Protein backbone atom coordinates (compact mmCIF):
# COMPACT_ATOMS: atom_id res chain seq x y z
CA MET A 1 67.09 21.92 92.77
CA VAL A 2 67.68 24.99 90.63
CA SER A 3 64.95 27.59 91.01
CA GLU A 4 62.38 28.30 88.33
CA GLY A 5 63.89 29.70 85.15
CA GLY A 6 67.29 28.17 85.91
CA LYS A 7 68.35 30.96 88.25
CA LYS A 8 70.37 29.68 91.17
CA LYS A 9 69.57 30.44 94.79
CA ILE A 10 71.31 32.45 97.49
CA ILE A 11 72.01 30.83 100.84
CA ILE A 12 72.52 33.06 103.85
CA PHE A 13 74.08 31.57 106.97
CA GLY A 14 73.27 33.55 110.11
CA LEU A 15 69.99 35.45 110.36
CA GLY A 16 70.87 38.15 112.85
CA PHE A 17 70.79 41.87 112.02
CA PHE A 18 72.86 41.65 108.81
CA GLY A 19 71.29 38.41 107.64
CA LYS A 20 67.78 39.78 108.01
CA LYS A 21 68.68 43.02 106.20
CA LEU A 22 70.13 41.03 103.32
CA ILE A 23 66.96 38.97 103.04
CA GLU A 24 64.88 42.17 102.97
CA LYS A 25 66.93 43.53 100.07
CA LEU A 26 67.46 40.35 98.06
CA SER A 27 64.22 38.42 98.43
CA LYS A 28 62.38 40.56 95.87
CA ASN A 29 64.51 39.21 93.02
CA TRP A 30 66.08 36.02 94.35
CA GLU A 31 65.06 32.75 95.87
CA ILE A 32 66.81 32.57 99.23
CA ILE A 33 67.58 29.90 101.79
CA GLY A 34 68.12 31.31 105.25
CA VAL A 35 69.95 29.14 107.79
CA ASP A 36 70.38 29.76 111.51
CA ILE A 37 71.32 27.57 114.45
CA ASN A 38 68.80 29.36 116.69
CA GLU A 39 65.35 27.77 116.25
CA SER A 40 63.53 30.80 117.75
CA VAL A 41 65.03 33.03 115.04
CA ILE A 42 63.72 30.67 112.38
CA SER A 43 60.24 30.67 113.95
CA GLU A 44 60.19 34.47 114.11
CA LEU A 45 61.12 34.96 110.44
CA SER A 46 59.08 32.14 108.90
CA GLY A 47 56.18 33.44 106.84
CA GLU A 48 57.51 37.03 106.87
CA PHE A 49 59.12 36.85 103.39
CA GLU A 50 58.20 35.44 100.01
CA ASN A 51 60.74 33.39 98.02
CA VAL A 52 62.58 32.56 101.25
CA GLU A 53 63.01 29.07 102.66
CA PHE A 54 64.14 28.96 106.29
CA LEU A 55 66.16 26.11 107.70
CA HIS A 56 67.15 25.35 111.28
CA GLY A 57 70.66 23.94 111.32
CA ASP A 58 74.37 24.26 111.99
CA ALA A 59 76.25 25.96 109.11
CA SER A 60 79.36 23.89 109.87
CA SER A 61 77.48 20.56 109.62
CA ILE A 62 77.49 18.59 106.38
CA LEU A 63 74.05 17.22 107.35
CA THR A 64 72.67 20.78 107.12
CA TRP A 65 74.26 21.24 103.70
CA LYS A 66 72.72 18.06 102.36
CA LYS A 67 69.26 19.43 103.15
CA ILE A 68 69.80 22.45 100.89
CA GLU A 69 70.95 20.66 97.72
CA PRO A 70 74.29 22.46 97.28
CA ALA A 71 74.20 22.20 93.49
CA SER A 72 71.29 24.66 93.45
CA ILE A 73 73.30 27.38 95.20
CA GLY A 74 74.78 30.22 93.15
CA HIS A 75 75.85 32.51 95.99
CA ILE A 76 76.85 31.76 99.59
CA ILE A 77 76.80 34.47 102.27
CA SER A 78 77.99 34.03 105.85
CA THR A 79 77.09 36.69 108.40
CA ILE A 80 78.11 34.50 111.34
CA LYS A 81 80.28 36.27 113.91
CA ASP A 82 82.30 33.15 114.72
CA THR A 83 85.15 33.25 112.20
CA ASP A 84 85.90 29.55 112.55
CA VAL A 85 82.33 28.67 111.55
CA SER A 86 82.59 30.92 108.49
CA LEU A 87 85.85 29.21 107.57
CA GLU A 88 84.14 25.84 107.83
CA VAL A 89 81.34 27.10 105.55
CA CYS A 90 84.01 27.96 102.96
CA ARG A 91 85.79 24.63 103.39
CA ILE A 92 82.60 22.57 102.97
CA ALA A 93 81.55 24.54 99.90
CA ARG A 94 84.92 24.27 98.17
CA GLU A 95 86.41 20.98 99.36
CA VAL A 96 83.43 18.76 100.19
CA PHE A 97 80.94 19.76 97.50
CA ASN A 98 83.42 21.35 95.03
CA LEU A 99 81.16 24.34 94.49
CA ASP A 100 82.29 27.23 92.32
CA SER A 101 79.58 29.48 93.79
CA SER A 102 80.62 32.96 94.90
CA ILE A 103 81.26 33.17 98.64
CA ILE A 104 80.86 36.38 100.64
CA VAL A 105 81.91 36.50 104.28
CA LEU A 106 81.15 39.27 106.76
CA LEU A 107 84.32 39.26 108.82
CA PHE A 108 84.22 40.57 112.37
CA GLU A 109 87.79 39.55 113.27
CA GLU A 110 89.54 41.75 110.71
CA GLU A 111 93.03 40.38 111.34
CA ARG A 112 91.98 36.94 110.04
CA ALA A 113 91.23 37.98 106.47
CA GLU A 114 94.19 35.96 105.15
CA ASP A 115 92.63 32.73 106.44
CA PHE A 116 90.02 32.96 103.67
CA GLU A 117 92.35 33.56 100.72
CA SER A 118 92.64 29.90 99.70
CA PHE A 119 88.83 29.64 99.45
CA GLU A 120 88.54 32.61 97.05
CA ALA A 121 86.00 34.27 99.33
CA THR A 122 85.10 37.95 99.16
CA ILE A 123 85.65 39.54 102.55
CA ILE A 124 83.49 42.40 103.82
CA LYS A 125 84.43 44.09 107.09
CA PRO A 126 81.33 45.70 108.64
CA ALA A 127 83.30 47.65 111.24
CA GLU A 128 85.53 49.20 108.59
CA ILE A 129 82.60 50.13 106.36
CA ILE A 130 80.68 51.74 109.20
CA THR A 131 83.75 53.62 110.43
CA ASN A 132 84.53 54.98 106.96
CA ALA A 133 80.91 56.03 106.47
CA VAL A 134 80.87 57.93 109.78
CA VAL A 135 84.22 59.59 109.05
CA SER A 136 82.96 60.61 105.60
CA LYS A 137 79.89 62.24 107.11
CA ILE A 138 82.00 64.16 109.63
CA GLU A 139 84.90 65.11 107.35
CA LYS A 140 82.72 65.71 104.26
CA ASN A 141 85.84 65.85 102.12
CA TYR A 142 87.24 62.34 102.07
CA THR A 143 85.58 59.02 101.19
CA VAL A 144 87.14 55.56 100.99
CA ALA A 145 85.62 53.15 98.48
CA THR A 146 84.63 49.99 100.30
CA ASN A 147 82.37 48.22 97.83
CA ILE A 148 84.60 48.33 94.73
CA GLY A 149 88.17 47.24 94.08
CA LEU A 150 89.86 45.57 97.01
CA GLY A 151 88.07 47.78 99.54
CA LYS A 152 91.37 48.40 101.33
CA GLY A 153 91.58 52.15 100.81
CA GLU A 154 93.24 51.94 97.40
CA ILE A 155 90.43 54.04 95.90
CA ILE A 156 89.42 57.34 97.49
CA GLU A 157 87.33 60.36 96.59
CA VAL A 158 88.44 63.77 97.81
CA ASN A 159 86.66 67.13 97.75
CA ILE A 160 89.21 69.80 96.85
CA LEU A 161 89.16 72.88 99.06
CA ALA A 162 90.54 76.35 98.35
CA ARG A 163 93.36 75.97 100.84
CA SER A 164 94.93 73.02 98.99
CA HIS A 165 98.18 74.18 97.40
CA LEU A 166 97.68 71.72 94.53
CA VAL A 167 94.75 73.73 93.19
CA ASP A 168 95.37 75.02 89.65
CA ARG A 169 98.43 72.81 89.15
CA LYS A 170 98.52 70.92 85.86
CA LEU A 171 98.41 67.18 86.48
CA LYS A 172 101.60 66.62 84.50
CA TYR A 173 103.43 68.70 87.12
CA LEU A 174 102.26 66.59 90.06
CA LYS A 175 104.46 63.61 89.17
CA PRO A 176 102.53 61.11 91.29
CA THR A 177 104.41 58.21 92.83
CA ARG A 178 102.40 55.09 93.76
CA TRP A 179 99.13 56.96 93.06
CA ARG A 180 97.16 58.31 90.11
CA ILE A 181 94.21 60.62 89.58
CA ALA A 182 91.61 58.41 87.90
CA ALA A 183 88.74 60.86 87.43
CA ILE A 184 87.64 64.41 88.15
CA TYR A 185 83.99 65.40 88.71
CA ARG A 186 83.23 69.08 88.12
CA ASP A 187 79.82 70.76 87.90
CA GLY A 188 78.08 67.42 87.44
CA GLU A 189 80.39 66.35 84.61
CA LEU A 190 83.00 63.59 84.44
CA ILE A 191 86.44 64.71 83.28
CA ILE A 192 88.97 62.12 82.13
CA PRO A 193 92.34 63.43 83.36
CA THR A 194 94.98 64.61 80.90
CA GLY A 195 98.39 66.08 81.57
CA ASN A 196 97.16 69.63 80.95
CA GLU A 197 94.05 69.31 83.15
CA LYS A 198 94.08 71.30 86.41
CA ILE A 199 92.46 70.52 89.74
CA LYS A 200 89.91 73.20 90.64
CA VAL A 201 88.32 74.29 93.90
CA GLY A 202 85.14 72.27 94.45
CA ASP A 203 86.26 69.33 92.31
CA LYS A 204 85.64 65.79 93.44
CA VAL A 205 88.76 63.82 92.58
CA VAL A 206 88.95 60.03 92.46
CA ILE A 207 92.45 58.76 93.25
CA ILE A 208 93.83 55.22 93.10
CA GLY A 209 97.07 53.95 94.58
CA ASP A 210 98.87 52.51 97.59
CA PRO A 211 96.50 52.90 100.58
CA LYS A 212 99.32 54.12 102.86
CA VAL A 213 100.33 56.79 100.36
CA LEU A 214 96.73 57.88 99.75
CA GLU A 215 96.09 58.28 103.46
CA ASN A 216 98.94 60.79 103.63
CA LEU A 217 98.04 62.43 100.32
CA VAL A 218 94.63 63.43 101.65
CA ASN A 219 96.17 65.99 104.00
CA ILE A 220 97.90 67.64 101.05
CA LEU A 221 94.79 67.71 98.87
CA ILE A 222 92.31 68.80 101.51
CA LYS A 223 94.33 71.02 103.79
CA GLY A 224 97.50 71.82 101.90
CA ILE A 225 99.55 70.44 104.80
CA PRO A 226 103.14 69.56 103.75
CA GLN A 227 103.61 65.81 104.09
CA PHE A 228 107.07 65.07 102.65
CA PRO A 229 108.15 62.28 102.26
CA LEU A 230 104.85 60.50 102.93
CA GLN A 231 103.68 60.86 99.33
CA PHE A 232 106.61 58.57 98.44
CA GLY A 233 106.72 56.34 101.54
CA SER A 234 106.47 56.64 105.32
CA ASP A 235 110.10 55.99 106.35
CA MET A 236 113.64 57.01 105.51
CA ALA A 237 116.46 54.49 105.13
CA THR A 238 120.25 54.55 105.28
CA ILE A 239 123.24 52.27 105.74
CA TYR A 240 125.44 52.36 108.81
CA ALA A 241 129.06 51.69 109.74
CA PRO A 242 131.34 53.85 111.94
CA LYS A 243 132.68 55.79 108.93
CA PHE A 244 129.09 56.82 108.08
CA ARG A 245 128.27 58.48 111.41
CA LYS A 246 127.90 61.91 109.82
CA THR A 247 125.45 60.47 107.32
CA LEU A 248 123.39 58.96 110.13
CA GLU A 249 123.31 62.35 111.86
CA GLU A 250 122.15 64.06 108.66
CA ALA A 251 119.51 61.37 108.11
CA ALA A 252 118.29 61.90 111.69
CA TYR A 253 118.21 65.67 111.12
CA LEU A 254 116.20 65.32 107.90
CA LYS A 255 113.78 62.86 109.51
CA LYS A 256 113.24 65.15 112.50
CA HIS A 257 112.27 68.08 110.29
CA THR A 258 109.94 66.22 107.94
CA LYS A 259 106.94 63.92 108.35
CA ALA A 260 108.89 60.66 108.08
CA HIS A 261 107.76 58.12 110.66
CA LYS A 262 111.08 56.46 111.40
CA LEU A 263 114.61 55.90 110.15
CA GLN A 264 115.40 52.38 108.95
CA ILE A 265 119.06 51.61 109.60
CA TYR A 266 120.78 48.86 107.60
CA PRO A 267 124.16 47.72 108.98
CA TYR A 268 126.76 47.89 106.22
CA ARG A 269 128.60 44.66 105.39
CA ASN A 270 127.68 42.84 108.61
CA TYR A 271 128.87 45.58 110.94
CA ASP A 272 127.75 44.88 114.53
CA VAL A 273 125.67 47.97 115.33
CA ARG A 274 125.41 46.93 118.98
CA LYS A 275 128.83 48.55 119.43
CA ASP A 276 127.32 51.93 118.51
CA PHE A 277 123.80 51.43 119.81
CA GLU A 278 124.06 54.22 122.41
CA PHE A 279 125.26 56.68 119.76
CA ILE A 280 122.40 55.71 117.45
CA LYS A 281 119.86 55.95 120.27
CA GLU A 282 121.08 59.45 121.18
CA THR A 283 121.08 60.58 117.54
CA VAL A 284 117.75 59.28 116.19
CA ASP A 285 114.42 59.69 117.99
CA ASN A 286 112.69 56.81 116.21
CA PHE A 287 114.59 54.09 114.38
CA GLU A 288 114.64 50.41 113.49
CA ILE A 289 117.74 48.29 112.99
CA LYS A 290 117.27 46.08 109.93
CA ASN A 291 119.23 43.25 108.32
CA SER A 292 122.73 43.89 107.06
CA ILE A 293 123.27 44.74 103.40
CA GLY A 294 126.45 44.74 101.35
CA ASP A 295 125.55 47.33 98.74
CA TYR A 296 123.70 50.61 99.23
CA LEU A 297 121.89 50.02 95.91
CA GLN A 298 119.94 47.31 97.75
CA LEU A 299 118.09 50.10 99.55
CA PHE A 300 116.19 50.78 96.32
CA ARG A 301 115.17 47.13 95.97
CA LEU A 302 113.60 46.69 99.38
CA LYS A 303 109.86 46.16 99.69
CA GLU A 304 109.73 48.34 102.81
CA ASP A 305 107.63 51.52 102.84
CA ILE A 306 110.60 53.84 102.24
CA GLY A 307 110.10 57.41 101.01
CA VAL A 308 113.72 58.64 100.93
CA VAL A 309 117.04 56.80 100.76
CA ILE A 310 120.07 58.52 102.34
CA ILE A 311 123.41 57.59 100.77
CA PRO A 312 126.82 58.53 102.25
CA PHE A 313 129.23 60.70 100.30
CA VAL A 314 132.00 60.84 102.89
CA LYS A 315 134.98 61.19 100.56
CA GLU A 316 135.20 61.65 96.81
CA PRO A 317 136.78 58.20 96.19
CA PHE A 318 133.87 56.51 98.00
CA LEU A 319 131.32 57.57 95.42
CA LYS A 320 133.11 57.65 92.10
CA TRP A 321 131.53 58.63 88.81
CA PHE A 322 130.34 55.12 87.94
CA ARG A 323 128.85 54.57 91.42
CA LEU A 324 126.81 57.75 91.31
CA LYS A 325 125.74 56.77 87.80
CA ALA A 326 124.55 53.42 89.17
CA ILE A 327 122.50 55.23 91.83
CA PHE A 328 120.90 57.53 89.24
CA GLU A 329 119.98 54.52 87.12
CA GLU A 330 118.78 52.28 89.98
CA ALA A 331 116.84 54.83 92.05
CA ASN A 332 113.06 54.48 92.08
CA LYS A 333 112.42 56.98 94.90
CA PRO A 334 113.95 60.22 96.18
CA PHE A 335 117.47 59.90 97.54
CA LEU A 336 119.80 62.19 99.47
CA ILE A 337 123.48 62.30 98.56
CA SER A 338 124.72 63.13 102.03
CA ARG A 339 127.78 65.33 102.43
CA GLY A 340 127.07 66.18 106.05
CA THR A 341 126.37 69.85 105.28
CA PHE A 342 123.70 70.38 107.90
CA PRO A 343 121.92 71.97 109.67
CA TYR A 344 120.73 73.64 106.50
CA ARG A 345 120.48 77.43 106.24
CA GLY A 346 118.20 77.27 103.26
CA ILE A 347 117.05 75.33 100.20
CA VAL A 348 118.16 75.85 96.60
CA VAL A 349 116.03 74.41 93.81
CA SER A 350 117.74 73.69 90.50
CA PHE A 351 115.55 74.40 87.50
CA ASN A 352 117.96 72.49 85.24
CA CYS A 353 115.79 69.42 85.44
CA LEU A 354 113.02 67.52 83.74
CA GLU A 355 110.05 69.01 85.63
CA PRO A 356 110.75 72.43 87.16
CA ALA A 357 107.22 72.83 88.55
CA PHE A 358 107.44 69.50 90.37
CA ILE A 359 110.83 70.19 91.91
CA LEU A 360 109.74 73.68 93.01
CA GLU A 361 106.67 72.11 94.66
CA MET A 362 109.00 69.78 96.59
CA GLY A 363 111.27 72.68 97.52
CA ILE A 364 108.43 74.78 98.87
CA GLU A 365 106.99 71.84 100.78
CA LEU A 366 110.37 71.22 102.45
CA SER A 367 110.87 74.91 103.15
CA ARG A 368 107.51 75.01 104.94
CA LEU A 369 108.31 71.91 106.98
CA MET A 370 111.85 72.98 107.87
CA LYS A 371 111.06 76.71 108.13
CA LEU A 372 113.85 77.59 105.73
CA PRO A 373 114.08 80.12 102.88
CA VAL A 374 113.91 78.72 99.37
CA GLU A 375 115.48 80.08 96.21
CA VAL A 376 115.64 78.92 92.62
CA VAL A 377 118.57 78.84 90.22
CA TYR A 378 118.59 78.14 86.48
CA GLY A 379 121.71 77.89 84.34
CA VAL A 380 121.30 78.79 80.65
CA MET A 381 123.61 79.27 77.71
CA PRO A 382 124.45 82.88 76.74
CA GLU A 383 121.75 84.58 74.69
CA GLU A 384 123.74 84.51 71.45
CA LEU A 385 124.01 80.70 71.71
CA ARG A 386 120.39 79.99 72.62
CA GLY A 387 117.85 78.65 70.15
CA VAL A 388 114.04 78.74 70.07
CA GLU A 389 113.76 75.71 72.38
CA GLU A 390 115.98 77.26 75.04
CA GLU A 391 114.00 80.52 74.90
CA GLU A 392 110.76 78.57 75.38
CA GLU A 393 112.23 76.80 78.42
CA ILE A 394 113.19 80.13 79.98
CA LYS A 395 109.68 81.46 79.35
CA GLU A 396 108.10 78.33 80.86
CA ARG A 397 110.20 78.63 84.01
CA ASN A 398 109.39 82.31 84.38
CA GLU A 399 105.69 81.44 84.23
CA ILE A 400 106.13 78.70 86.84
CA ILE A 401 107.80 81.12 89.24
CA SER A 402 104.97 83.62 88.66
CA ASP A 403 102.33 80.93 89.24
CA PHE A 404 103.88 79.79 92.51
CA GLU A 405 104.31 83.34 93.77
CA HIS A 406 100.60 83.85 93.10
CA ILE A 407 99.59 80.60 94.82
CA TYR A 408 101.72 81.16 97.91
CA LYS A 409 101.36 84.95 97.91
CA THR A 410 105.08 85.45 98.41
CA GLY A 411 108.14 86.36 96.38
CA ILE A 412 110.62 83.69 95.28
CA LYS A 413 114.29 84.53 94.79
CA TYR A 414 115.02 83.39 91.24
CA SER A 415 118.42 83.64 89.55
CA VAL A 416 119.01 82.97 85.85
CA LEU A 417 122.73 82.32 85.29
CA GLU A 418 124.20 82.64 81.82
CA GLY A 419 126.98 80.26 80.86
CA ASN A 420 127.62 76.54 81.25
CA PRO A 421 124.68 75.34 83.45
CA VAL A 422 126.84 72.98 85.53
CA LYS A 423 129.70 75.43 86.09
CA GLU A 424 127.40 78.36 86.84
CA THR A 425 125.33 76.36 89.32
CA LEU A 426 128.46 75.11 91.09
CA LYS A 427 129.78 78.67 91.27
CA TYR A 428 126.44 79.83 92.70
CA MET A 429 126.60 77.12 95.38
CA GLN A 430 130.16 77.89 96.48
CA ASP A 431 129.06 80.06 99.41
CA LYS A 432 125.95 77.95 100.07
CA ARG A 433 127.53 74.70 101.22
CA ASP A 434 125.11 74.49 104.11
CA TYR A 435 122.10 74.79 101.79
CA LEU A 436 120.18 71.70 100.68
CA LEU A 437 120.17 71.46 96.89
CA LEU A 438 117.14 69.89 95.17
CA THR A 439 117.14 68.52 91.65
CA ALA A 440 115.13 66.10 89.51
CA TYR A 441 116.21 64.09 86.50
CA ASP A 442 114.76 62.03 83.68
CA LYS A 443 115.58 58.35 84.19
CA ARG A 444 115.35 57.81 80.43
CA GLU A 445 118.20 60.23 79.75
CA LYS A 446 121.55 58.56 79.24
CA ILE A 447 124.50 59.43 81.46
CA SER A 448 127.88 59.37 79.74
CA ILE A 449 130.99 61.46 79.26
CA PHE A 450 129.83 62.26 75.75
CA SER A 451 126.23 63.06 76.77
CA PRO A 452 126.37 65.55 79.65
CA ASN A 453 123.50 65.12 82.09
CA VAL A 454 123.22 68.42 83.96
CA PRO A 455 121.52 67.15 87.18
CA PHE A 456 124.03 64.29 87.38
CA TYR A 457 127.13 66.47 87.01
CA ILE A 458 125.81 69.09 89.43
CA THR A 459 125.11 66.37 92.00
CA LYS A 460 128.53 64.82 91.45
CA ASN A 461 130.55 68.01 91.88
CA VAL A 462 128.64 70.26 94.28
CA LYS A 463 129.90 70.42 97.87
CA SER A 464 126.42 70.49 99.42
CA SER A 465 124.06 67.62 100.17
CA VAL A 466 121.68 66.99 97.28
CA LEU A 467 118.13 65.63 97.38
CA CYS A 468 117.45 64.00 94.01
CA PHE A 469 114.09 62.99 92.53
CA PRO A 470 114.14 60.37 89.76
CA LEU A 471 111.28 60.96 87.35
CA GLU A 472 109.82 58.71 84.71
CA GLU A 473 107.29 59.28 81.97
CA ILE A 474 103.92 60.40 83.32
CA THR A 475 100.83 58.37 82.50
CA TYR A 476 98.51 61.29 81.71
CA GLU A 477 98.18 61.89 77.97
């Protein structure tokens, strides 16, 4: 029977610690039915609460359910530690009585969450909630939302400290991948993020995104610890065949000197990697052999947690103009065009790109991880050929260099080269073949013979390995 006023009841199966606490909180505003298989528990609680009906019975028995008039139930809660019993509660509610009531299950065997998906039950993991609460109290800077969203770590709140190197960076320069800043709280006020907003010391920042990426992002935001490539994905990936040995060695070198967890190796066109297993084992400290692929573009379509794709550039004919163009158009994550020019002596950042502040941030992060010097190069047309827009771009880049020197309290070697940007950059790199070149490009910009794309042509013709960052339109307005 529906309770007075037409409001449906709540049934709670399992009256241990959590069940009792729920009754204490809910009984003031709801009519509750409490069910437990232990008769002594029922006797102890009877008469202690108003608006609560206690029932001795087995939650997995249909006879027990018939005593409670299922049609009167609006919400079902199971706090029972036996997962199989909770599953049976869900099955009886949905399949036997066809109830559309909300079902909430406290799950103590966390690995079995998928078992409840077909019953449309909301899963709450007490151990995870308690752990996150304790960590939050200890860390004081990092909180995972557990009672909104999916509760899987896709929403976090971070306190920004002075030592974070993202402080005072405009959001439009951050170029987030698989994460977004949803809100900023400052001095008791809510700030809706825009592209020109900056993160300040003392801010509380709410971030949403891939839980794996957010977990790594926290170390950047709180401590300023370089994490590349974890903000894009935890692993690196490359193809393998005997002719790509140098590429594998460069991939192993890059992995070793960054925070990547492992190198995913994809045999190329069904090559039997067992023939070279000893070489691979000696070259890479942590790797995983994956399924064979026939086209390196497939590396961008995988659902694996990949942060950087390494693509061989063994000989010029191997990666012709149209193939590199296909990579630029297909890429959805950073990729290294490997020319085997390692170990690197330094890093060169090309400012002839869509977002100079972003690419400089990546360059400095890599220089800190790899303990290498970093320098910046920008090719511009001669002064007599420059217009107002070009002058504004030069001014913007000068300000970015000044900002970063202030943040990192160090000088940055910065060269402005007058002339054709592609030719001047290539000339600059002639004696820097063992430097890693970094560039970023706008995926919306067309690549054609008649529409020169500076990052593309630099990447195509330079003799050094190039780490490229494909960028798309930012979401902050």
